[in-house]
Amino acid sequence: MEIKALIQAELDTFSEKQLKQLYRIIKNLKQDTTKSIRDQEQLKNFWEEDQVGNVLREDQPPRTPGLLSGKLGDAFFEPLPEDELQQ
């Protein structure tokens, strides 16, 4: 049996009140599905952008940590003098 005929046979057994409830359910489901699809697209767009809003390109090489070689001396970790903090 064709799906439309199966659905119609089921609908024929419903009261008017049940049909109205079913219609509301279908309508809400359709709206929720549309909203869900929009939300999924927005989420996908969000994840495709980096924190400053630039679209990440797949042809960009990955960042390499430690590109600048060298070591930090102890002076780096010393607190700054007050006059430098005011600048």
N, C-alpha and C. Protein backbone atom coordinates (compact mmCIF):
# COMPACT_ATOMS: atom_id res chain seq x y z
N MET A 1 0.84 -1.19 0.00
CA MET A 1 0.00 0.00 0.00
C MET A 1 0.89 1.25 0.00
N GLU A 2 0.49 2.24 -0.75
CA GLU A 2 1.23 3.49 -0.85
C GLU A 2 1.16 4.25 0.48
N ILE A 3 2.21 4.98 0.81
CA ILE A 3 2.29 5.67 2.10
C ILE A 3 1.15 6.67 2.28
N LYS A 4 0.79 7.38 1.21
CA LYS A 4 -0.32 8.35 1.32
C LYS A 4 -1.62 7.64 1.69
N ALA A 5 -1.84 6.48 1.10
CA ALA A 5 -3.06 5.73 1.41
C ALA A 5 -3.04 5.24 2.85
N LEU A 6 -1.88 4.80 3.33
CA LEU A 6 -1.76 4.37 4.72
C LEU A 6 -2.04 5.52 5.68
N ILE A 7 -1.46 6.67 5.39
CA ILE A 7 -1.68 7.84 6.24
C ILE A 7 -3.14 8.26 6.21
N GLN A 8 -3.73 8.28 5.01
CA GLN A 8 -5.13 8.67 4.88
C GLN A 8 -6.04 7.73 5.65
N ALA A 9 -5.73 6.45 5.60
CA ALA A 9 -6.54 5.47 6.33
C ALA A 9 -6.46 5.74 7.84
N GLU A 10 -5.29 6.10 8.32
CA GLU A 10 -5.14 6.44 9.74
C GLU A 10 -5.88 7.72 10.07
N LEU A 11 -5.75 8.73 9.21
CA LEU A 11 -6.40 10.02 9.46
C LEU A 11 -7.92 9.88 9.49
N ASP A 12 -8.44 8.99 8.70
CA ASP A 12 -9.90 8.79 8.65
C ASP A 12 -10.45 8.30 9.99
N THR A 13 -9.60 7.74 10.83
CA THR A 13 -10.06 7.24 12.13
C THR A 13 -10.00 8.31 13.22
N PHE A 14 -9.42 9.47 12.92
CA PHE A 14 -9.25 10.53 13.92
C PHE A 14 -10.49 11.41 14.00
N SER A 15 -10.74 11.90 15.21
CA SER A 15 -11.81 12.89 15.38
C SER A 15 -11.29 14.25 14.93
N GLU A 16 -12.21 15.21 14.80
CA GLU A 16 -11.83 16.57 14.40
C GLU A 16 -10.83 17.16 15.41
N LYS A 17 -11.09 16.93 16.67
CA LYS A 17 -10.21 17.44 17.72
C LYS A 17 -8.80 16.84 17.59
N GLN A 18 -8.73 15.54 17.35
CA GLN A 18 -7.44 14.88 17.18
C GLN A 18 -6.70 15.39 15.94
N LEU A 19 -7.46 15.65 14.87
CA LEU A 19 -6.85 16.18 13.65
C LEU A 19 -6.25 17.57 13.90
N LYS A 20 -6.96 18.40 14.67
CA LYS A 20 -6.44 19.74 14.99
C LYS A 20 -5.15 19.62 15.81
N GLN A 21 -5.14 18.71 16.78
CA GLN A 21 -3.93 18.51 17.58
C GLN A 21 -2.78 18.00 16.72
N LEU A 22 -3.08 17.08 15.84
CA LEU A 22 -2.07 16.55 14.95
C LEU A 22 -1.52 17.64 14.04
N TYR A 23 -2.40 18.49 13.54
CA TYR A 23 -1.97 19.58 12.68
C TYR A 23 -1.00 20.50 13.43
N ARG A 24 -1.35 20.85 14.69
CA ARG A 24 -0.47 21.71 15.50
C ARG A 24 0.89 21.05 15.72
N ILE A 25 0.85 19.77 15.98
CA ILE A 25 2.11 19.03 16.20
C ILE A 25 2.97 19.07 14.94
N ILE A 26 2.36 18.81 13.79
CA ILE A 26 3.10 18.81 12.53
C ILE A 26 3.64 20.21 12.23
N LYS A 27 2.80 21.22 12.45
CA LYS A 27 3.21 22.60 12.19
C LYS A 27 4.40 22.98 13.08
N ASN A 28 4.32 22.66 14.38
CA ASN A 28 5.41 22.97 15.31
C ASN A 28 6.67 22.18 14.96
N LEU A 29 6.49 20.94 14.58
CA LEU A 29 7.62 20.11 14.20
C LEU A 29 8.33 20.70 12.99
N LYS A 30 7.54 21.15 12.02
CA LYS A 30 8.11 21.76 10.81
C LYS A 30 8.89 23.03 11.17
N GLN A 31 8.31 23.87 12.04
CA GLN A 31 8.99 25.10 12.46
C GLN A 31 10.26 24.77 13.24
N ASP A 32 10.17 23.80 14.15
CA ASP A 32 11.34 23.40 14.93
C ASP A 32 12.44 22.85 14.04
N THR A 33 12.04 22.06 13.03
CA THR A 33 13.01 21.49 12.11
C THR A 33 13.70 22.59 11.32
N THR A 34 12.92 23.56 10.83
CA THR A 34 13.49 24.68 10.08
C THR A 34 14.44 25.47 10.97
N LYS A 35 14.03 25.74 12.21
CA LYS A 35 14.88 26.47 13.15
C LYS A 35 16.13 25.66 13.45
N SER A 36 15.98 24.36 13.64
CA SER A 36 17.11 23.50 13.94
C SER A 36 18.12 23.52 12.80
N ILE A 37 17.63 23.48 11.56
CA ILE A 37 18.51 23.53 10.40
C ILE A 37 19.25 24.86 10.37
N ARG A 38 18.52 25.97 10.64
CA ARG A 38 19.16 27.29 10.69
C ARG A 38 20.22 27.34 11.78
N ASP A 39 19.89 26.79 12.95
CA ASP A 39 20.83 26.77 14.07
C ASP A 39 22.07 25.95 13.71
N GLN A 40 21.86 24.83 13.05
CA GLN A 40 22.99 23.99 12.66
C GLN A 40 23.89 24.72 11.66
N GLU A 41 23.28 25.46 10.73
CA GLU A 41 24.07 26.22 9.76
C GLU A 41 24.85 27.33 10.45
N GLN A 42 24.22 28.01 11.42
CA GLN A 42 24.91 29.06 12.15
C GLN A 42 26.06 28.48 12.97
N LEU A 43 25.83 27.33 13.58
CA LEU A 43 26.88 26.70 14.36
C LEU A 43 28.04 26.28 13.46
N LYS A 44 27.72 25.74 12.30
CA LYS A 44 28.76 25.35 11.35
C LYS A 44 29.56 26.57 10.92
N ASN A 45 28.87 27.67 10.62
CA ASN A 45 29.56 28.90 10.23
C ASN A 45 30.43 29.41 11.37
N PHE A 46 29.93 29.31 12.60
CA PHE A 46 30.69 29.76 13.75
C PHE A 46 32.00 28.98 13.86
N TRP A 47 31.92 27.67 13.72
CA TRP A 47 33.12 26.85 13.89
C TRP A 47 34.08 26.99 12.72
N GLU A 48 33.59 27.46 11.56
CA GLU A 48 34.47 27.66 10.42
C GLU A 48 35.21 28.98 10.49
N GLU A 49 34.87 29.81 11.45
CA GLU A 49 35.54 31.09 11.61
C GLU A 49 36.40 31.03 12.86
N ASP A 50 37.55 31.73 12.80
CA ASP A 50 38.37 31.77 14.00
C ASP A 50 37.87 32.90 14.91
N GLN A 51 38.56 33.15 15.99
CA GLN A 51 38.07 34.08 17.00
C GLN A 51 37.96 35.51 16.51
N VAL A 52 38.74 35.91 15.50
CA VAL A 52 38.64 37.28 15.00
C VAL A 52 37.71 37.39 13.81
N GLY A 53 37.07 36.31 13.45
CA GLY A 53 36.08 36.36 12.38
C GLY A 53 36.65 36.10 11.00
N ASN A 54 37.92 35.76 10.91
CA ASN A 54 38.50 35.43 9.61
C ASN A 54 38.17 33.97 9.29
N VAL A 55 37.74 33.76 8.08
CA VAL A 55 37.41 32.39 7.68
C VAL A 55 38.70 31.60 7.57
N LEU A 56 38.71 30.45 8.22
CA LEU A 56 39.89 29.60 8.14
C LEU A 56 39.94 28.95 6.76
N ARG A 57 41.11 28.95 6.20
CA ARG A 57 41.28 28.32 4.89
C ARG A 57 41.96 26.98 5.08
N GLU A 58 41.53 26.04 4.32
CA GLU A 58 42.12 24.71 4.44
C GLU A 58 43.54 24.69 3.91
N ASP A 59 43.91 25.66 3.07
CA ASP A 59 45.25 25.67 2.51
C ASP A 59 46.26 26.32 3.45
N GLN A 60 45.81 26.81 4.61
CA GLN A 60 46.73 27.40 5.57
C GLN A 60 47.50 26.29 6.26
N PRO A 61 48.83 26.44 6.37
CA PRO A 61 49.57 25.43 7.11
C PRO A 61 49.28 25.56 8.60
N PRO A 62 49.36 24.48 9.34
CA PRO A 62 49.11 24.57 10.78
C PRO A 62 50.21 25.40 11.45
N ARG A 63 49.85 26.04 12.54
CA ARG A 63 50.82 26.84 13.27
C ARG A 63 51.85 25.92 13.92
N THR A 64 53.08 26.39 13.92
CA THR A 64 54.16 25.63 14.52
C THR A 64 54.59 26.31 15.81
N PRO A 65 54.34 25.71 16.96
CA PRO A 65 54.79 26.34 18.19
C PRO A 65 56.31 26.30 18.29
N GLY A 66 56.85 27.33 18.91
CA GLY A 66 58.29 27.38 19.09
C GLY A 66 59.02 27.79 17.84
N LEU A 67 58.36 28.52 16.96
CA LEU A 67 58.99 28.94 15.71
C LEU A 67 60.21 29.81 15.97
N LEU A 68 60.13 30.69 16.97
CA LEU A 68 61.27 31.51 17.35
C LEU A 68 62.05 30.78 18.44
N SER A 69 63.27 30.48 18.13
CA SER A 69 64.05 29.73 19.11
C SER A 69 64.66 30.68 20.13
N GLY A 70 65.03 30.15 21.24
CA GLY A 70 65.62 30.93 22.30
C GLY A 70 65.00 30.57 23.62
N LYS A 71 65.57 31.11 24.66
CA LYS A 71 65.05 30.81 25.99
C LYS A 71 64.81 32.11 26.72
N LEU A 72 63.85 32.09 27.59
CA LEU A 72 63.55 33.25 28.41
C LEU A 72 64.42 33.22 29.65
N GLY A 73 65.03 34.35 29.91
CA GLY A 73 65.84 34.43 31.11
C GLY A 73 64.98 34.71 32.33
N ASP A 74 65.58 34.67 33.49
CA ASP A 74 64.87 34.92 34.73
C ASP A 74 64.28 36.33 34.76
N ALA A 75 64.91 37.28 34.10
CA ALA A 75 64.44 38.66 34.09
C ALA A 75 63.04 38.77 33.48
N PHE A 76 62.72 37.88 32.59
CA PHE A 76 61.39 37.91 31.96
C PHE A 76 60.29 37.73 33.01
N PHE A 77 60.56 36.93 33.99
CA PHE A 77 59.54 36.61 34.99
C PHE A 77 59.54 37.56 36.19
N GLU A 78 60.46 38.49 36.21
CA GLU A 78 60.50 39.47 37.29
C GLU A 78 59.36 40.48 37.11
N PRO A 79 58.77 40.98 38.19
CA PRO A 79 57.71 41.98 38.04
C PRO A 79 58.27 43.26 37.44
N LEU A 80 57.41 43.93 36.64
CA LEU A 80 57.82 45.20 36.03
C LEU A 80 57.84 46.30 37.08
N PRO A 81 58.74 47.26 36.91
CA PRO A 81 58.73 48.41 37.82
C PRO A 81 57.46 49.21 37.64
N GLU A 82 57.04 49.90 38.68
CA GLU A 82 55.79 50.66 38.68
C GLU A 82 55.71 51.65 37.53
N ASP A 83 56.81 52.35 37.22
CA ASP A 83 56.77 53.35 36.13
C ASP A 83 56.51 52.70 34.77
N GLU A 84 56.98 51.49 34.56
CA GLU A 84 56.68 50.80 33.30
C GLU A 84 55.24 50.33 33.24
N LEU A 85 54.69 49.97 34.39
CA LEU A 85 53.29 49.55 34.42
C LEU A 85 52.35 50.70 34.12
N GLN A 86 52.75 51.93 34.45
CA GLN A 86 51.91 53.10 34.21
C GLN A 86 51.86 53.50 32.74
N GLN A 87 52.80 53.04 31.95
CA GLN A 87 52.85 53.44 30.53
C GLN A 87 51.79 52.79 29.72
